[in-house]
Amino acid sequence: MIHGFNGSKDNWLSLAYELGDKYHIIIPDLIGNGASSKPKNISYSIDEQTRLLHSFLKKLHLKRTILIANSMGGAISLNYVYMYKHINILILIDSLGIKSEDSYVDKMGVEKIRESWLHVCTPQKLQALIAQGIEDPPYIPNSILTYLSEEKCLSSDFEEKKCYDILDKKLNPLDDLTQKAKDIKIPTLIIWGKKDKILSYKNSYAFHSTIEESELVILENIGHVPMIEDASQVSSKIVNFLNKHQK
């Protein structure tokens, strides 16, 4: 399970719980995130993160591998399948990588996006950022928001560096993976929250039409992180897909 930009393995815990003991689940913190090391002197580009993921997976000697990925993690995983060819099934959840439609956030304009994404140093800014990602955010006590925003503020410069390794100065993705997606020949499930404000759900149709062996599921009243917002529903869609395609 591969998380998105500034996410962590914690993003997947509810989904992992729903999937239960049927699968051998591996959830890494990508470099620069969570409990992983955070070097400032490397590139966090999609290609470099793909190579780092490959060096990690090689050490595990897995016989059959399914990648489940969200947002930036989706771009890394799609790129991985294109580059290394040994993944059996790909599951993309509100994925970065192919853009055919502006989102709610895009329409805010680059300055407002910068203001809301970078240097999040107050509880109010953090709450607004969470509301961009989650359609129906849970209640979080102000004391917790204050602590989390203070922690996030301390890493602002590092987050900005990572951001500009995958996005240009207008905050558009540096990597268009459309041509690579045409080369994907494995069963692929595309799941998308219809209320996604960060990556418009209409992009899902571009993924679906580009990836040959893909199925598309649109989830009503769900935002950018369906595996957090409704892990039970996402788990059901994944299990149904895997039951059809696993040998």
C-alpha atoms as a PDB file:
ATOM      1  CA  MET A   1       0.000   0.000   0.000  1.00  0.00           C
ATOM      2  CA  ILE A   2       1.604   3.253  -1.185  1.00  0.00           C
ATOM      3  CA  HIS A   3       0.480   6.528   0.395  1.00  0.00           C
ATOM      4  CA  GLY A   4       0.271   9.994  -1.132  1.00  0.00           C
ATOM      5  CA  PHE A   5       2.120  13.292  -0.727  1.00  0.00           C
ATOM      6  CA  ASN A   6       2.997  13.976   2.924  1.00  0.00           C
ATOM      7  CA  GLY A   7       0.973  10.933   3.937  1.00  0.00           C
ATOM      8  CA  SER A   8       2.175   7.904   5.872  1.00  0.00           C
ATOM      9  CA  LYS A   9       1.432   4.252   6.517  1.00  0.00           C
ATOM     10  CA  ASP A  10      -1.256   5.410   8.954  1.00  0.00           C
ATOM     11  CA  ASN A  11      -3.430   6.391   5.960  1.00  0.00           C
ATOM     12  CA  TRP A  12      -3.940   2.679   5.259  1.00  0.00           C
ATOM     13  CA  LEU A  13      -4.568   1.218   8.704  1.00  0.00           C
ATOM     14  CA  SER A  14      -8.372   1.217   8.479  1.00  0.00           C
ATOM     15  CA  LEU A  15      -8.289  -0.468   5.067  1.00  0.00           C
ATOM     16  CA  ALA A  16      -5.719  -3.016   6.263  1.00  0.00           C
ATOM     17  CA  TYR A  17      -8.005  -3.833   9.193  1.00  0.00           C
ATOM     18  CA  GLU A  18     -10.971  -4.284   6.848  1.00  0.00           C
ATOM     19  CA  LEU A  19      -8.993  -6.603   4.572  1.00  0.00           C
ATOM     20  CA  GLY A  20      -8.142  -8.722   7.602  1.00  0.00           C
ATOM     21  CA  ASP A  21      -5.780 -11.684   7.607  1.00  0.00           C
ATOM     22  CA  LYS A  22      -6.492 -12.914   4.092  1.00  0.00           C
ATOM     23  CA  TYR A  23      -3.589 -10.973   2.568  1.00  0.00           C
ATOM     24  CA  HIS A  24       0.034 -10.340   3.474  1.00  0.00           C
ATOM     25  CA  ILE A  25      -0.089  -6.547   3.726  1.00  0.00           C
ATOM     26  CA  ILE A  26       3.032  -4.385   3.554  1.00  0.00           C
ATOM     27  CA  ILE A  27       2.664  -0.659   4.258  1.00  0.00           C
ATOM     28  CA  PRO A  28       5.872   1.385   4.029  1.00  0.00           C
ATOM     29  CA  ASP A  29       6.422   5.001   4.888  1.00  0.00           C
ATOM     30  CA  LEU A  30       7.901   6.419   1.690  1.00  0.00           C
ATOM     31  CA  ILE A  31      11.209   8.213   2.131  1.00  0.00           C
ATOM     32  CA  GLY A  32      10.661  11.708   3.502  1.00  0.00           C
ATOM     33  CA  ASN A  33       7.435  10.705   5.244  1.00  0.00           C
ATOM     34  CA  GLY A  34       6.234   9.163   8.491  1.00  0.00           C
ATOM     35  CA  ALA A  35       8.964   7.299  10.351  1.00  0.00           C
ATOM     36  CA  SER A  36      11.267   7.011   7.319  1.00  0.00           C
ATOM     37  CA  SER A  37      14.424   9.074   6.962  1.00  0.00           C
ATOM     38  CA  LYS A  38      14.013  12.586   5.560  1.00  0.00           C
ATOM     39  CA  PRO A  39      17.135  13.522   3.600  1.00  0.00           C
ATOM     40  CA  LYS A  40      17.025  16.985   2.056  1.00  0.00           C
ATOM     41  CA  ASN A  41      19.743  16.383  -0.519  1.00  0.00           C
ATOM     42  CA  ILE A  42      17.899  13.927  -2.778  1.00  0.00           C
ATOM     43  CA  SER A  43      15.216  14.275  -5.413  1.00  0.00           C
ATOM     44  CA  TYR A  44      11.649  13.319  -4.498  1.00  0.00           C
ATOM     45  CA  SER A  45      10.604  13.097  -8.139  1.00  0.00           C
ATOM     46  CA  ILE A  46       8.233  10.360  -9.243  1.00  0.00           C
ATOM     47  CA  ASP A  47      11.064   8.536 -11.051  1.00  0.00           C
ATOM     48  CA  GLU A  48      13.387   8.643  -8.036  1.00  0.00           C
ATOM     49  CA  GLN A  49      10.675   7.512  -5.631  1.00  0.00           C
ATOM     50  CA  THR A  50       9.857   4.690  -8.050  1.00  0.00           C
ATOM     51  CA  ARG A  51      13.480   3.544  -7.999  1.00  0.00           C
ATOM     52  CA  LEU A  52      13.587   3.689  -4.200  1.00  0.00           C
ATOM     53  CA  LEU A  53      10.395   1.645  -3.971  1.00  0.00           C
ATOM     54  CA  HIS A  54      11.917  -0.918  -6.319  1.00  0.00           C
ATOM     55  CA  SER A  55      15.045  -1.278  -4.165  1.00  0.00           C
ATOM     56  CA  PHE A  56      12.739  -1.856  -1.165  1.00  0.00           C
ATOM     57  CA  LEU A  57      10.545  -4.454  -2.889  1.00  0.00           C
ATOM     58  CA  LYS A  58      13.548  -6.340  -4.292  1.00  0.00           C
ATOM     59  CA  LYS A  59      14.679  -7.098  -0.741  1.00  0.00           C
ATOM     60  CA  LEU A  60      11.329  -8.725   0.068  1.00  0.00           C
ATOM     61  CA  HIS A  61      11.535 -11.378  -2.705  1.00  0.00           C
ATOM     62  CA  LEU A  62       7.770 -11.391  -3.217  1.00  0.00           C
ATOM     63  CA  LYS A  63       6.321 -13.978  -5.605  1.00  0.00           C
ATOM     64  CA  ARG A  64       3.054 -12.172  -6.329  1.00  0.00           C
ATOM     65  CA  THR A  65       2.552  -8.475  -5.770  1.00  0.00           C
ATOM     66  CA  ILE A  66      -0.475  -6.192  -5.778  1.00  0.00           C
ATOM     67  CA  LEU A  67       0.119  -2.443  -5.531  1.00  0.00           C
ATOM     68  CA  ILE A  68      -2.637  -0.363  -3.906  1.00  0.00           C
ATOM     69  CA  ALA A  69      -1.898   3.333  -4.097  1.00  0.00           C
ATOM     70  CA  ASN A  70      -3.415   6.750  -3.455  1.00  0.00           C
ATOM     71  CA  SER A  71      -2.703  10.148  -5.028  1.00  0.00           C
ATOM     72  CA  MET A  72       1.059  10.651  -5.498  1.00  0.00           C
ATOM     73  CA  GLY A  73       1.496   7.009  -4.550  1.00  0.00           C
ATOM     74  CA  GLY A  74      -0.666   6.176  -7.562  1.00  0.00           C
ATOM     75  CA  ALA A  75       1.715   7.970  -9.891  1.00  0.00           C
ATOM     76  CA  ILE A  76       4.668   6.162  -8.324  1.00  0.00           C
ATOM     77  CA  SER A  77       2.905   2.799  -8.624  1.00  0.00           C
ATOM     78  CA  LEU A  78       1.781   3.315 -12.220  1.00  0.00           C
ATOM     79  CA  ASN A  79       5.326   4.366 -13.093  1.00  0.00           C
ATOM     80  CA  TYR A  80       6.611   1.286 -11.237  1.00  0.00           C
ATOM     81  CA  VAL A  81       4.436  -1.088 -13.262  1.00  0.00           C
ATOM     82  CA  TYR A  82       5.660   0.571 -16.474  1.00  0.00           C
ATOM     83  CA  MET A  83       9.344   0.399 -15.470  1.00  0.00           C
ATOM     84  CA  TYR A  84       9.625  -3.011 -13.800  1.00  0.00           C
ATOM     85  CA  LYS A  85       6.853  -5.215 -15.230  1.00  0.00           C
ATOM     86  CA  HIS A  86       6.591  -7.724 -12.354  1.00  0.00           C
ATOM     87  CA  ILE A  87       3.486  -6.438 -10.565  1.00  0.00           C
ATOM     88  CA  ASN A  88       0.427  -8.689 -10.924  1.00  0.00           C
ATOM     89  CA  ILE A  89      -2.428  -6.307 -10.093  1.00  0.00           C
ATOM     90  CA  LEU A  90      -2.621  -2.511  -9.753  1.00  0.00           C
ATOM     91  CA  ILE A  91      -5.213  -0.632  -7.703  1.00  0.00           C
ATOM     92  CA  LEU A  92      -5.259   3.150  -8.071  1.00  0.00           C
ATOM     93  CA  ILE A  93      -7.231   5.304  -5.637  1.00  0.00           C
ATOM     94  CA  ASP A  94      -7.709   8.977  -6.628  1.00  0.00           C
ATOM     95  CA  SER A  95      -4.386   8.840  -8.437  1.00  0.00           C
ATOM     96  CA  LEU A  96      -2.001  11.488  -9.664  1.00  0.00           C
ATOM     97  CA  GLY A  97      -0.509  10.886 -13.108  1.00  0.00           C
ATOM     98  CA  ILE A  98      -3.101  11.702 -15.777  1.00  0.00           C
ATOM     99  CA  LYS A  99      -4.932  15.004 -15.731  1.00  0.00           C
ATOM    100  CA  SER A 100      -7.862  15.738 -18.015  1.00  0.00           C
ATOM    101  CA  GLU A 101      -9.952  18.024 -15.819  1.00  0.00           C
ATOM    102  CA  ASP A 102      -9.284  20.853 -13.370  1.00  0.00           C
ATOM    103  CA  SER A 103     -10.355  20.188  -9.794  1.00  0.00           C
ATOM    104  CA  TYR A 104     -11.941  22.465  -7.206  1.00  0.00           C
ATOM    105  CA  VAL A 105      -8.462  23.174  -5.872  1.00  0.00           C
ATOM    106  CA  ASP A 106      -7.075  23.996  -9.339  1.00  0.00           C
ATOM    107  CA  LYS A 107      -9.778  26.602  -9.774  1.00  0.00           C
ATOM    108  CA  MET A 108      -8.647  28.337  -6.578  1.00  0.00           C
ATOM    109  CA  GLY A 109      -5.580  29.608  -8.439  1.00  0.00           C
ATOM    110  CA  VAL A 110      -1.914  29.001  -7.722  1.00  0.00           C
ATOM    111  CA  GLU A 111      -1.494  31.631  -4.993  1.00  0.00           C
ATOM    112  CA  LYS A 112      -4.418  30.344  -2.951  1.00  0.00           C
ATOM    113  CA  ILE A 113      -3.237  26.774  -3.428  1.00  0.00           C
ATOM    114  CA  ARG A 114       0.235  27.722  -2.177  1.00  0.00           C
ATOM    115  CA  GLU A 115      -1.313  29.495   0.776  1.00  0.00           C
ATOM    116  CA  SER A 116      -3.464  26.514   1.734  1.00  0.00           C
ATOM    117  CA  TRP A 117      -0.926  23.720   1.053  1.00  0.00           C
ATOM    118  CA  LEU A 118       2.420  25.155   2.123  1.00  0.00           C
ATOM    119  CA  HIS A 119       3.461  26.638   5.474  1.00  0.00           C
ATOM    120  CA  VAL A 120       0.398  25.332   7.303  1.00  0.00           C
ATOM    121  CA  CYS A 121       1.144  26.854  10.694  1.00  0.00           C
ATOM    122  CA  THR A 122      -2.227  27.425  12.388  1.00  0.00           C
ATOM    123  CA  PRO A 123      -5.058  25.100  13.459  1.00  0.00           C
ATOM    124  CA  GLN A 124      -7.385  26.956  11.089  1.00  0.00           C
ATOM    125  CA  LYS A 125      -5.124  26.371   8.061  1.00  0.00           C
ATOM    126  CA  LEU A 126      -4.715  22.719   8.975  1.00  0.00           C
ATOM    127  CA  GLN A 127      -8.460  22.283   9.348  1.00  0.00           C
ATOM    128  CA  ALA A 128      -8.987  23.875   5.919  1.00  0.00           C
ATOM    129  CA  LEU A 129      -6.367  21.574   4.400  1.00  0.00           C
ATOM    130  CA  ILE A 130      -8.046  18.502   5.893  1.00  0.00           C
ATOM    131  CA  ALA A 131     -11.386  19.703   4.487  1.00  0.00           C
ATOM    132  CA  GLN A 132      -9.854  19.791   0.999  1.00  0.00           C
ATOM    133  CA  GLY A 133      -8.930  16.117   1.263  1.00  0.00           C
ATOM    134  CA  ILE A 134     -11.894  14.673   3.158  1.00  0.00           C
ATOM    135  CA  GLU A 135     -15.488  15.329   2.154  1.00  0.00           C
ATOM    136  CA  ASP A 136     -16.870  14.959   5.700  1.00  0.00           C
ATOM    137  CA  PRO A 137     -13.946  15.618   8.081  1.00  0.00           C
ATOM    138  CA  PRO A 138     -14.149  14.132  11.573  1.00  0.00           C
ATOM    139  CA  TYR A 139     -14.176  16.373  14.630  1.00  0.00           C
ATOM    140  CA  ILE A 140     -10.640  17.041  15.872  1.00  0.00           C
ATOM    141  CA  PRO A 141     -10.179  18.874  19.203  1.00  0.00           C
ATOM    142  CA  ASN A 142      -8.472  22.249  18.879  1.00  0.00           C
ATOM    143  CA  SER A 143      -5.631  21.122  21.151  1.00  0.00           C
ATOM    144  CA  ILE A 144      -4.825  18.300  18.734  1.00  0.00           C
ATOM    145  CA  LEU A 145      -5.106  20.619  15.720  1.00  0.00           C
ATOM    146  CA  THR A 146      -2.746  23.058  17.435  1.00  0.00           C
ATOM    147  CA  TYR A 147      -0.151  20.366  18.100  1.00  0.00           C
ATOM    148  CA  LEU A 148      -0.381  18.936  14.576  1.00  0.00           C
ATOM    149  CA  SER A 149      -0.171  22.371  12.936  1.00  0.00           C
ATOM    150  CA  GLU A 150       2.912  23.241  15.006  1.00  0.00           C
ATOM    151  CA  GLU A 151       4.570  19.985  13.923  1.00  0.00           C
ATOM    152  CA  LYS A 152       3.599  20.575  10.299  1.00  0.00           C
ATOM    153  CA  CYS A 153       4.926  24.131  10.425  1.00  0.00           C
ATOM    154  CA  LEU A 154       8.364  22.883  11.483  1.00  0.00           C
ATOM    155  CA  SER A 155       8.641  20.864   8.275  1.00  0.00           C
ATOM    156  CA  SER A 156       7.276  23.563   5.948  1.00  0.00           C
ATOM    157  CA  ASP A 157      10.489  24.187   4.012  1.00  0.00           C
ATOM    158  CA  PHE A 158      11.057  20.454   3.534  1.00  0.00           C
ATOM    159  CA  GLU A 159       7.466  19.949   2.371  1.00  0.00           C
ATOM    160  CA  GLU A 160       7.888  22.781  -0.137  1.00  0.00           C
ATOM    161  CA  LYS A 161      11.079  21.167  -1.484  1.00  0.00           C
ATOM    162  CA  LYS A 162       9.259  17.821  -1.930  1.00  0.00           C
ATOM    163  CA  CYS A 163       6.302  19.575  -3.530  1.00  0.00           C
ATOM    164  CA  TYR A 164       8.435  21.196  -6.208  1.00  0.00           C
ATOM    165  CA  ASP A 165      10.149  17.903  -6.992  1.00  0.00           C
ATOM    166  CA  ILE A 166       6.811  16.604  -8.333  1.00  0.00           C
ATOM    167  CA  LEU A 167       4.948  19.809  -9.257  1.00  0.00           C
ATOM    168  CA  ASP A 168       5.915  22.873 -11.280  1.00  0.00           C
ATOM    169  CA  LYS A 169       5.674  26.473 -10.020  1.00  0.00           C
ATOM    170  CA  LYS A 170       1.995  26.523 -11.011  1.00  0.00           C
ATOM    171  CA  LEU A 171       1.500  23.346  -8.957  1.00  0.00           C
ATOM    172  CA  ASN A 172       0.797  21.199 -11.993  1.00  0.00           C
ATOM    173  CA  PRO A 173       2.345  17.681 -12.098  1.00  0.00           C
ATOM    174  CA  LEU A 174       5.771  17.516 -13.731  1.00  0.00           C
ATOM    175  CA  ASP A 175       5.081  13.971 -14.947  1.00  0.00           C
ATOM    176  CA  ASP A 176       2.269  13.181 -17.375  1.00  0.00           C
ATOM    177  CA  LEU A 177       2.015   9.392 -17.287  1.00  0.00           C
ATOM    178  CA  THR A 178      -0.527   9.019 -20.105  1.00  0.00           C
ATOM    179  CA  GLN A 179       1.869   7.349 -22.536  1.00  0.00           C
ATOM    180  CA  LYS A 180       3.217   5.026 -19.845  1.00  0.00           C
ATOM    181  CA  ALA A 181      -0.324   4.114 -18.801  1.00  0.00           C
ATOM    182  CA  LYS A 182      -1.005   2.901 -22.345  1.00  0.00           C
ATOM    183  CA  ASP A 183       1.652   0.245 -21.753  1.00  0.00           C
ATOM    184  CA  ILE A 184      -0.007  -1.142 -18.609  1.00  0.00           C
ATOM    185  CA  LYS A 185      -1.312  -4.620 -19.414  1.00  0.00           C
ATOM    186  CA  ILE A 186      -2.240  -5.988 -15.986  1.00  0.00           C
ATOM    187  CA  PRO A 187      -5.655  -5.982 -14.281  1.00  0.00           C
ATOM    188  CA  THR A 188      -6.147  -2.498 -12.838  1.00  0.00           C
ATOM    189  CA  LEU A 189      -8.889  -1.232 -10.544  1.00  0.00           C
ATOM    190  CA  ILE A 190      -9.472   2.516 -10.476  1.00  0.00           C
ATOM    191  CA  ILE A 191     -11.357   3.836  -7.445  1.00  0.00           C
ATOM    192  CA  TRP A 192     -12.265   7.518  -7.163  1.00  0.00           C
ATOM    193  CA  GLY A 193     -14.213   9.669  -4.735  1.00  0.00           C
ATOM    194  CA  LYS A 194     -16.739  11.759  -6.656  1.00  0.00           C
ATOM    195  CA  LYS A 195     -16.273  14.657  -4.216  1.00  0.00           C
ATOM    196  CA  ASP A 196     -12.482  14.768  -4.611  1.00  0.00           C
ATOM    197  CA  LYS A 197     -11.469  18.443  -4.469  1.00  0.00           C
ATOM    198  CA  ILE A 198      -7.772  17.811  -5.137  1.00  0.00           C
ATOM    199  CA  LEU A 199      -7.904  15.513  -8.189  1.00  0.00           C
ATOM    200  CA  SER A 200     -11.222  15.754 -10.039  1.00  0.00           C
ATOM    201  CA  TYR A 201     -13.077  12.457 -10.343  1.00  0.00           C
ATOM    202  CA  LYS A 202     -13.388  13.158 -14.080  1.00  0.00           C
ATOM    203  CA  ASN A 203      -9.696  12.292 -14.356  1.00  0.00           C
ATOM    204  CA  SER A 204     -10.725   8.722 -13.525  1.00  0.00           C
ATOM    205  CA  TYR A 205     -12.295   8.392 -16.963  1.00  0.00           C
ATOM    206  CA  ALA A 206      -8.960   9.281 -18.562  1.00  0.00           C
ATOM    207  CA  PHE A 207      -7.221   6.575 -16.515  1.00  0.00           C
ATOM    208  CA  HIS A 208      -9.941   4.062 -17.396  1.00  0.00           C
ATOM    209  CA  SER A 209      -9.832   4.763 -21.132  1.00  0.00           C
ATOM    210  CA  THR A 210      -6.016   4.707 -21.193  1.00  0.00           C
ATOM    211  CA  ILE A 211      -5.326   1.549 -19.161  1.00  0.00           C
ATOM    212  CA  GLU A 212      -6.449  -1.402 -21.232  1.00  0.00           C
ATOM    213  CA  GLU A 213      -7.474  -3.935 -18.571  1.00  0.00           C
ATOM    214  CA  SER A 214      -9.028  -1.504 -16.119  1.00  0.00           C
ATOM    215  CA  GLU A 215     -12.268  -1.311 -14.193  1.00  0.00           C
ATOM    216  CA  LEU A 216     -13.614   1.937 -12.750  1.00  0.00           C
ATOM    217  CA  VAL A 217     -15.531   2.513  -9.525  1.00  0.00           C
ATOM    218  CA  ILE A 218     -16.819   5.979  -8.564  1.00  0.00           C
ATOM    219  CA  LEU A 219     -17.753   6.413  -4.896  1.00  0.00           C
ATOM    220  CA  GLU A 220     -20.487   8.918  -4.095  1.00  0.00           C
ATOM    221  CA  ASN A 221     -19.996  11.474  -1.288  1.00  0.00           C
ATOM    222  CA  ILE A 222     -16.322  10.529  -0.860  1.00  0.00           C
ATOM    223  CA  GLY A 223     -13.314  12.834  -1.239  1.00  0.00           C
ATOM    224  CA  HIS A 224      -9.622  12.373  -2.007  1.00  0.00           C
ATOM    225  CA  VAL A 225      -8.804   9.591   0.469  1.00  0.00           C
ATOM    226  CA  PRO A 226     -11.547   6.930   0.200  1.00  0.00           C
ATOM    227  CA  MET A 227      -9.543   4.381   2.203  1.00  0.00           C
ATOM    228  CA  ILE A 228      -9.777   6.747   5.188  1.00  0.00           C
ATOM    229  CA  GLU A 229     -13.285   8.030   4.546  1.00  0.00           C
ATOM    230  CA  ASP A 230     -14.994   4.669   3.928  1.00  0.00           C
ATOM    231  CA  ALA A 231     -12.546   1.801   4.382  1.00  0.00           C
ATOM    232  CA  SER A 232     -15.329  -0.778   4.443  1.00  0.00           C
ATOM    233  CA  GLN A 233     -16.670   0.191   1.015  1.00  0.00           C
ATOM    234  CA  VAL A 234     -13.178   0.408  -0.495  1.00  0.00           C
ATOM    235  CA  SER A 235     -12.284  -2.992   0.954  1.00  0.00           C
ATOM    236  CA  SER A 236     -15.406  -4.531  -0.576  1.00  0.00           C
ATOM    237  CA  LYS A 237     -14.572  -3.147  -4.035  1.00  0.00           C
ATOM    238  CA  ILE A 238     -10.977  -4.376  -3.776  1.00  0.00           C
ATOM    239  CA  VAL A 239     -11.896  -7.880  -2.591  1.00  0.00           C
ATOM    240  CA  ASN A 240     -14.461  -8.281  -5.365  1.00  0.00           C
ATOM    241  CA  PHE A 241     -11.873  -7.239  -7.939  1.00  0.00           C
ATOM    242  CA  LEU A 242      -9.171  -9.506  -6.535  1.00  0.00           C
ATOM    243  CA  ASN A 243     -11.523 -12.467  -6.420  1.00  0.00           C
ATOM    244  CA  LYS A 244     -12.083 -12.045 -10.151  1.00  0.00           C
ATOM    245  CA  HIS A 245      -8.431 -11.711 -11.084  1.00  0.00           C
ATOM    246  CA  GLN A 246      -6.353 -13.738  -8.637  1.00  0.00           C
ATOM    247  CA  LYS A 247      -5.256 -17.193  -9.765  1.00  0.00           C
END
